[in-house]
């Protein structure tokens, strides 16, 4: 009997371990360039790197970037569609991967390109609209019409890309007391005080921080301890390190550049992520570069170059590291695939596994629990 209990316990422990190594990969896509249903859900094995398609949304228009609720029951997506753009709420069954549209509302600005959510609000960045829009959550997970619109005004020296404000991202501070937003058009980071329970004054401007002229701030990420912020600038490949404190202040620490030395051609810096252990920083670049640059994060927040690895495709607009830190998946907007790299946890280096997911125009990648 004792032996039977041991065997049963061992089998249960093995099943639990296997379950902890499996996650859902959600992929937002553009639907106006090739055949796509919108959002795709894959089961991903973080031990083997294997994957299988579980489900997809039904004819959702260009849900490029996604945000998952804390309880893993709802998905929020921007619908990037020019002046007809919207934001949508879905119920999400992580076991089956099934998504069901709850409702959709106008994004209050053209081409929303990023969003975040918490228990009370959904906040999004309108790129072409140059604005931030805030939506309240209803009890069933659906969203209200827009409750606040913050319009940015201004431009930068790059006539082609900075002719007006272009809000590219919204990010919660670690303590959720502030929302930070990058404006590519104005070369500024906006810092807003966050008042989640307010009816219409959810975000109030604290201050703005200027970055390098003509650099075009795109995406940022907080260090694991919340003391540093790393910002990648799309137009010139600048990578800026700031110190950050709990009063919501950014202070420039250092600037570097992710573009290879003596490189000739177009660049378009894109996504920036930190490994789950907080030890390595990864930054992607598109254009003619199509690579991910890897840095080690040192104890003082500074970064040390490790390597630059081709993403083996064109247009790595986004990438994601699985929660165990074993794999990095790079999504290519133009070659219509997601390349799966094995990640060395000790060195941070990437190695192609030869595995890839083929699908139309992957744009936003996020892992969830099953």
Protein backbone atom coordinates (compact mmCIF):
# COMPACT_ATOMS: atom_id res chain seq x y z
CA UNK A 1 0.00 0.00 0.00
CA UNK A 2 2.84 2.36 0.90
CA UNK A 3 4.46 1.67 -2.47
CA UNK A 4 1.16 2.47 -4.21
CA UNK A 5 0.93 5.81 -2.39
CA UNK A 6 4.50 6.65 -3.41
CA UNK A 7 3.76 5.81 -7.03
CA UNK A 8 0.55 7.87 -7.01
CA UNK A 9 2.32 10.81 -5.36
CA UNK A 10 5.17 10.63 -7.86
CA UNK A 11 2.75 10.53 -10.79
CA UNK A 12 0.83 13.52 -9.37
CA UNK A 13 4.05 15.45 -8.79
CA UNK A 14 5.15 14.74 -12.37
CA UNK A 15 1.82 15.93 -13.76
CA UNK A 16 2.04 19.12 -11.68
CA UNK A 17 5.59 19.78 -12.89
CA UNK A 18 4.58 19.21 -16.51
CA UNK A 19 1.60 21.54 -16.09
CA UNK A 20 3.84 24.28 -14.67
CA UNK A 21 6.03 24.07 -17.76
CA UNK A 22 3.14 24.58 -20.18
CA UNK A 23 1.71 27.98 -21.00
CA UNK A 24 -0.57 29.62 -23.51
CA UNK A 25 1.05 31.86 -26.09
CA UNK A 26 -1.35 34.55 -27.32
CA UNK A 27 -0.52 36.27 -30.59
CA UNK A 28 -2.11 39.46 -31.88
CA UNK A 29 -1.89 40.00 -35.65
CA UNK A 30 -2.60 42.43 -38.46
CA UNK A 31 -5.53 41.20 -40.55
CA UNK A 32 -5.29 43.66 -43.45
CA UNK A 33 -2.18 42.22 -45.15
CA UNK A 34 -2.81 38.45 -45.22
CA UNK A 35 -5.33 35.83 -44.08
CA UNK A 36 -5.77 36.11 -40.31
CA UNK A 37 -8.66 35.65 -37.88
CA UNK A 38 -7.07 38.02 -35.36
CA UNK A 39 -5.90 36.54 -32.06
CA UNK A 40 -4.33 33.06 -31.95
CA UNK A 41 -3.80 30.87 -28.88
CA UNK A 42 -1.07 28.22 -28.84
CA UNK A 43 -0.07 25.81 -26.10
CA UNK A 44 3.67 26.12 -25.56
CA UNK A 45 5.90 23.60 -23.79
CA UNK A 46 8.70 25.52 -22.05
CA UNK A 47 10.81 22.36 -21.68
CA UNK A 48 10.79 21.07 -25.25
CA UNK A 49 9.92 24.26 -27.14
CA UNK A 50 7.05 22.44 -28.85
CA UNK A 51 3.73 24.14 -29.58
CA UNK A 52 0.24 23.43 -30.87
CA UNK A 53 -2.62 25.65 -31.98
CA UNK A 54 -5.53 25.61 -29.51
CA UNK A 55 -7.94 28.28 -30.72
CA UNK A 56 -8.39 31.68 -32.32
CA UNK A 57 -10.75 34.62 -32.28
CA UNK A 58 -13.35 35.02 -35.01
CA UNK A 59 -12.73 37.74 -37.60
CA UNK A 60 -11.30 40.33 -35.23
CA UNK A 61 -9.87 43.36 -37.05
CA UNK A 62 -6.10 43.80 -36.51
CA UNK A 63 -5.85 43.09 -32.76
CA UNK A 64 -2.18 44.02 -32.78
CA UNK A 65 -1.41 44.35 -29.07
CA UNK A 66 -2.97 42.42 -26.21
CA UNK A 67 -3.27 42.82 -22.44
CA UNK A 68 -4.34 40.02 -20.07
CA UNK A 69 -6.36 40.61 -16.90
CA UNK A 70 -4.73 39.70 -13.58
CA UNK A 71 -7.25 36.88 -13.01
CA UNK A 72 -6.47 35.40 -16.48
CA UNK A 73 -10.15 35.51 -17.47
CA UNK A 74 -10.20 38.45 -19.90
CA UNK A 75 -8.15 39.68 -22.85
CA UNK A 76 -8.13 43.31 -24.02
CA UNK A 77 -6.97 44.19 -27.52
CA UNK A 78 -6.45 47.31 -29.60
CA UNK A 79 -7.97 47.11 -33.07
CA UNK A 80 -5.55 49.06 -35.25
CA UNK A 81 -7.65 50.33 -38.16
CA UNK A 82 -6.92 53.97 -38.93
CA UNK A 83 -9.69 56.36 -37.96
CA UNK A 84 -12.03 53.39 -37.45
CA UNK A 85 -9.85 51.94 -34.68
CA UNK A 86 -11.32 50.40 -31.54
CA UNK A 87 -10.52 48.60 -28.30
CA UNK A 88 -12.13 45.22 -27.55
CA UNK A 89 -12.77 43.03 -24.51
CA UNK A 90 -12.89 39.22 -24.68
CA UNK A 91 -13.65 36.47 -22.22
CA UNK A 92 -10.78 34.01 -22.13
CA UNK A 93 -10.89 30.31 -21.24
CA UNK A 94 -7.24 29.44 -20.72
CA UNK A 95 -7.91 25.69 -20.70
CA UNK A 96 -9.40 25.60 -24.20
CA UNK A 97 -7.95 28.87 -25.48
CA UNK A 98 -11.44 29.98 -26.48
CA UNK A 99 -12.01 33.72 -26.85
CA UNK A 100 -15.45 35.32 -26.93
CA UNK A 101 -15.98 38.97 -27.79
CA UNK A 102 -17.70 40.87 -24.96
CA UNK A 103 -17.81 44.31 -26.53
CA UNK A 104 -15.86 46.90 -28.47
CA UNK A 105 -15.69 50.67 -28.33
CA UNK A 106 -14.03 53.45 -30.29
CA UNK A 107 -10.41 53.99 -29.28
CA UNK A 108 -11.02 57.77 -29.49
CA UNK A 109 -7.95 58.10 -31.69
CA UNK A 110 -6.40 56.61 -34.81
CA UNK A 111 -4.17 53.52 -34.75
CA UNK A 112 -3.92 52.45 -31.10
CA UNK A 113 -0.67 50.52 -30.70
CA UNK A 114 -0.38 49.53 -27.03
CA UNK A 115 -2.54 49.02 -23.93
CA UNK A 116 -2.50 48.01 -20.26
CA UNK A 117 -5.18 47.06 -17.75
CA UNK A 118 -5.80 46.59 -14.04
CA UNK A 119 -8.90 45.79 -11.97
CA UNK A 120 -10.59 49.09 -12.78
CA UNK A 121 -9.33 50.48 -16.08
CA UNK A 122 -8.03 49.79 -19.57
CA UNK A 123 -5.56 52.42 -20.81
CA UNK A 124 -4.33 52.65 -24.38
CA UNK A 125 -1.94 54.63 -26.55
CA UNK A 126 -3.20 56.03 -29.86
CA UNK A 127 -0.23 56.33 -32.21
CA UNK A 128 -1.62 58.33 -35.13
CA UNK A 129 -4.11 60.04 -32.83
CA UNK A 130 -1.31 61.22 -30.52
CA UNK A 131 -3.39 60.56 -27.43
CA UNK A 132 -4.06 58.36 -24.40
CA UNK A 133 -7.57 57.00 -23.84
CA UNK A 134 -8.93 55.49 -20.61
CA UNK A 135 -11.85 53.05 -20.35
CA UNK A 136 -13.56 51.79 -17.21
CA UNK A 137 -14.18 48.09 -16.67
CA UNK A 138 -17.67 46.77 -16.06
CA UNK A 139 -18.35 43.95 -13.57
CA UNK A 140 -18.52 41.36 -16.39
CA UNK A 141 -15.10 42.35 -17.77
CA UNK A 142 -16.47 44.42 -20.64
CA UNK A 143 -15.42 48.04 -21.09
CA UNK A 144 -17.29 51.33 -21.00
CA UNK A 145 -16.99 54.00 -23.64
CA UNK A 146 -13.91 56.17 -23.22
CA UNK A 147 -13.96 58.10 -19.93
CA UNK A 148 -10.85 60.23 -20.43
CA UNK A 149 -8.84 61.39 -23.44
CA UNK A 150 -5.45 63.06 -23.03
CA UNK A 151 -4.36 64.71 -26.26
CA UNK A 152 -0.63 65.33 -26.74
CA UNK A 153 0.45 68.33 -28.85
CA UNK A 154 3.87 68.91 -30.38
CA UNK A 155 6.41 67.67 -32.89
CA UNK A 156 10.08 66.80 -33.36
CA UNK A 157 12.90 67.44 -35.86
CA UNK A 158 12.26 64.36 -38.03
CA UNK A 159 9.80 65.83 -40.55
CA UNK A 160 8.69 62.43 -41.89
CA UNK A 161 8.07 60.71 -38.55
CA UNK A 162 7.69 63.48 -35.97
CA UNK A 163 5.26 65.82 -37.70
CA UNK A 164 2.98 65.60 -34.65
CA UNK A 165 2.57 63.71 -31.39
CA UNK A 166 2.72 59.91 -31.68
CA UNK A 167 1.98 58.12 -28.41
CA UNK A 168 3.59 54.68 -28.61
CA UNK A 169 3.21 53.02 -25.21
CA UNK A 170 1.64 53.19 -21.75
CA UNK A 171 3.26 51.46 -18.74
CA UNK A 172 2.31 51.14 -15.08
CA UNK A 173 4.99 51.95 -12.54
CA UNK A 174 5.69 48.90 -10.31
CA UNK A 175 3.57 50.33 -7.46
CA UNK A 176 0.78 51.38 -9.88
CA UNK A 177 0.91 54.96 -8.62
CA UNK A 178 2.00 56.31 -12.01
CA UNK A 179 1.52 55.63 -15.71
CA UNK A 180 4.46 56.40 -17.99
CA UNK A 181 3.97 57.04 -21.69
CA UNK A 182 6.41 57.39 -24.58
CA UNK A 183 5.69 60.00 -27.25
CA UNK A 184 7.75 59.21 -30.37
CA UNK A 185 6.66 62.42 -32.08
CA UNK A 186 7.82 64.77 -29.33
CA UNK A 187 10.89 62.94 -27.96
CA UNK A 188 9.31 62.97 -24.51
CA UNK A 189 8.34 60.56 -21.75
CA UNK A 190 5.11 61.65 -20.03
CA UNK A 191 4.64 60.74 -16.36
CA UNK A 192 1.04 60.72 -15.12
CA UNK A 193 -0.28 60.29 -11.59
CA UNK A 194 -2.72 57.38 -11.61
CA UNK A 195 -6.05 57.71 -9.81
CA UNK A 196 -7.76 54.38 -10.61
CA UNK A 197 -11.00 55.06 -8.76
CA UNK A 198 -11.65 58.47 -10.29
CA UNK A 199 -14.56 58.75 -12.70
CA UNK A 200 -12.99 60.92 -15.40
CA UNK A 201 -9.67 62.29 -14.06
CA UNK A 202 -7.93 58.93 -13.95
CA UNK A 203 -4.62 60.29 -15.23
CA UNK A 204 -3.21 63.69 -14.26
CA UNK A 205 0.08 64.94 -15.67
CA UNK A 206 2.98 65.06 -13.21
CA UNK A 207 5.78 66.00 -15.59
CA UNK A 208 7.48 65.26 -18.90
CA UNK A 209 11.07 64.15 -19.46
CA UNK A 210 12.93 65.10 -22.64
CA UNK A 211 15.06 62.50 -24.41
CA UNK A 212 17.57 62.82 -27.25
CA UNK A 213 16.23 65.03 -30.06
CA UNK A 214 15.03 63.07 -33.09
CA UNK A 215 15.44 59.70 -31.34
CA UNK A 216 11.73 58.76 -31.18
CA UNK A 217 11.04 57.00 -27.83
CA UNK A 218 9.09 53.80 -28.47
CA UNK A 219 9.04 51.19 -25.69
CA UNK A 220 10.35 51.01 -22.12
CA UNK A 221 10.67 48.38 -19.42
CA UNK A 222 11.27 48.54 -15.66
CA UNK A 223 14.08 46.57 -14.02
CA UNK A 224 12.96 43.72 -11.78
CA UNK A 225 13.65 45.76 -8.63
CA UNK A 226 11.87 48.80 -10.09
CA UNK A 227 14.87 51.09 -9.62
CA UNK A 228 15.77 51.48 -13.30
CA UNK A 229 13.97 52.09 -16.59
CA UNK A 230 15.33 51.06 -19.99
CA UNK A 231 13.96 52.95 -23.01
CA UNK A 232 14.54 52.08 -26.68
CA UNK A 233 14.21 54.88 -29.25
CA UNK A 234 12.90 53.77 -32.62
CA UNK A 235 14.31 56.34 -35.00
CA UNK A 236 18.02 56.22 -34.18
CA UNK A 237 18.51 53.05 -32.11
CA UNK A 238 19.34 54.86 -28.87
CA UNK A 239 18.98 52.77 -25.70
CA UNK A 240 18.60 54.98 -22.63
CA UNK A 241 18.98 53.93 -19.00
CA UNK A 242 17.22 55.95 -16.29
CA UNK A 243 17.14 55.66 -12.54
CA UNK A 244 13.60 55.68 -11.15
CA UNK A 245 12.32 56.41 -7.66
CA UNK A 246 8.96 55.93 -5.96
CA UNK A 247 8.01 59.60 -6.35
CA UNK A 248 7.81 58.98 -10.11
CA UNK A 249 11.04 60.70 -11.15
CA UNK A 250 13.29 59.60 -14.01
CA UNK A 251 16.96 60.58 -14.08
CA UNK A 252 19.21 59.91 -17.07
CA UNK A 253 21.98 57.45 -16.25
CA UNK A 254 23.47 56.51 -19.62
CA UNK A 255 22.83 56.29 -23.36
CA UNK A 256 24.11 53.65 -25.77
CA UNK A 257 23.05 52.46 -29.24
CA UNK A 258 21.86 49.08 -30.50
CA UNK A 259 22.70 49.67 -34.19
CA UNK A 260 25.79 47.71 -35.32
CA UNK A 261 28.91 49.81 -35.87
CA UNK A 262 29.47 50.90 -39.50
CA UNK A 263 25.96 49.66 -40.37
CA UNK A 264 24.56 51.00 -43.64
CA UNK A 265 20.82 50.76 -44.13
CA UNK A 266 17.49 51.43 -42.45
CA UNK A 267 16.85 50.74 -38.79
CA UNK A 268 13.63 50.70 -36.80
CA UNK A 269 14.07 49.74 -33.15
CA UNK A 270 11.06 47.97 -31.70
CA UNK A 271 10.58 45.87 -28.56
CA UNK A 272 12.45 45.73 -25.25
CA UNK A 273 12.11 42.99 -22.61
CA UNK A 274 13.87 41.72 -19.48
CA UNK A 275 14.42 38.03 -18.66
CA UNK A 276 12.29 36.60 -15.82
CA UNK A 277 15.31 36.48 -13.50
CA UNK A 278 15.99 40.17 -14.16
CA UNK A 279 19.56 39.55 -15.30
CA UNK A 280 19.39 40.23 -19.04
CA UNK A 281 17.92 42.88 -21.32
CA UNK A 282 16.79 42.15 -24.90
CA UNK A 283 16.06 44.73 -27.61
CA UNK A 284 14.84 44.12 -31.18
CA UNK A 285 15.44 46.16 -34.31
CA UNK A 286 13.67 45.93 -37.68
CA UNK A 287 14.44 47.72 -40.95
CA UNK A 288 17.54 46.16 -42.47
CA UNK A 289 18.93 45.09 -39.08
CA UNK A 290 16.40 42.40 -38.04
CA UNK A 291 18.26 41.39 -34.91
CA UNK A 292 17.96 41.14 -31.15
CA UNK A 293 20.70 42.72 -29.03
CA UNK A 294 21.42 41.11 -25.66
CA UNK A 295 22.79 42.93 -22.61
CA UNK A 296 23.67 41.78 -19.13
CA UNK A 297 22.14 43.96 -16.41
CA UNK A 298 24.71 44.75 -13.72
CA UNK A 299 23.96 45.40 -10.04
CA UNK A 300 24.19 49.18 -10.46
CA UNK A 301 21.60 49.09 -13.28
CA UNK A 302 24.16 49.62 -16.03
CA UNK A 303 24.25 47.22 -18.98
CA UNK A 304 27.01 45.22 -20.65
CA UNK A 305 26.83 44.06 -24.27
CA UNK A 306 26.59 40.27 -24.70
CA UNK A 307 25.73 39.63 -28.35
CA UNK A 308 23.60 40.60 -31.32
CA UNK A 309 21.69 37.74 -32.92
CA UNK A 310 19.78 37.71 -36.22
CA UNK A 311 16.08 37.00 -35.70
CA UNK A 312 16.06 35.03 -38.98
CA UNK A 313 13.13 36.95 -40.39
CA UNK A 314 11.95 40.43 -41.33
CA UNK A 315 10.21 42.84 -39.00
CA UNK A 316 10.64 41.57 -35.38
CA UNK A 317 8.06 44.03 -34.10
CA UNK A 318 7.65 42.09 -30.87
CA UNK A 319 9.15 39.14 -29.03
CA UNK A 320 8.48 37.39 -25.75
CA UNK A 321 10.41 35.28 -23.22
CA UNK A 322 8.51 32.36 -21.69
CA UNK A 323 7.93 32.53 -17.89
CA UNK A 324 10.59 29.89 -17.16
CA UNK A 325 13.19 31.85 -19.14
CA UNK A 326 14.05 28.88 -21.36
CA UNK A 327 12.93 30.29 -24.71
CA UNK A 328 12.64 33.57 -26.57
CA UNK A 329 10.09 33.79 -29.40
CA UNK A 330 10.50 36.49 -32.05
CA UNK A 331 7.47 37.44 -34.16
CA UNK A 332 8.07 38.68 -37.70
CA UNK A 333 5.44 41.00 -39.15
CA UNK A 334 6.69 40.69 -42.74
CA UNK A 335 7.90 37.09 -43.06
CA UNK A 336 4.79 35.81 -41.24
CA UNK A 337 6.39 33.59 -38.61
CA UNK A 338 7.56 33.30 -35.02
CA UNK A 339 11.10 31.97 -34.63
CA UNK A 340 11.78 29.99 -31.44
CA UNK A 341 15.20 30.52 -29.82
CA UNK A 342 16.64 28.56 -26.91
CA UNK A 343 17.94 30.87 -24.23
CA UNK A 344 21.03 30.21 -22.13
CA UNK A 345 20.02 31.37 -18.63
CA UNK A 346 23.63 31.76 -17.50
CA UNK A 347 24.92 33.84 -20.42
CA UNK A 348 21.69 35.26 -21.87
CA UNK A 349 22.72 34.11 -25.35
CA UNK A 350 20.24 32.87 -27.95
CA UNK A 351 20.40 29.82 -30.21
CA UNK A 352 17.99 28.96 -33.01
CA UNK A 353 16.04 25.76 -32.31
CA UNK A 354 14.94 25.31 -35.92
CA UNK A 355 11.32 25.53 -34.75
CA UNK A 356 8.93 28.20 -35.94
CA UNK A 357 5.24 29.04 -35.87
CA UNK A 358 3.88 30.14 -39.22
CA UNK A 359 0.99 32.62 -39.17
CA UNK A 360 -0.08 35.89 -40.74
CA UNK A 361 1.67 39.05 -39.57
CA UNK A 362 2.32 38.40 -35.84
CA UNK A 363 2.58 41.69 -33.97
CA UNK A 364 2.00 41.32 -30.20
CA UNK A 365 3.07 38.24 -28.19
CA UNK A 366 2.14 37.43 -24.59
CA UNK A 367 2.24 34.32 -22.39
CA UNK A 368 -0.50 33.38 -19.94
CA UNK A 369 -1.06 30.56 -17.47
CA UNK A 370 -3.20 27.65 -18.58
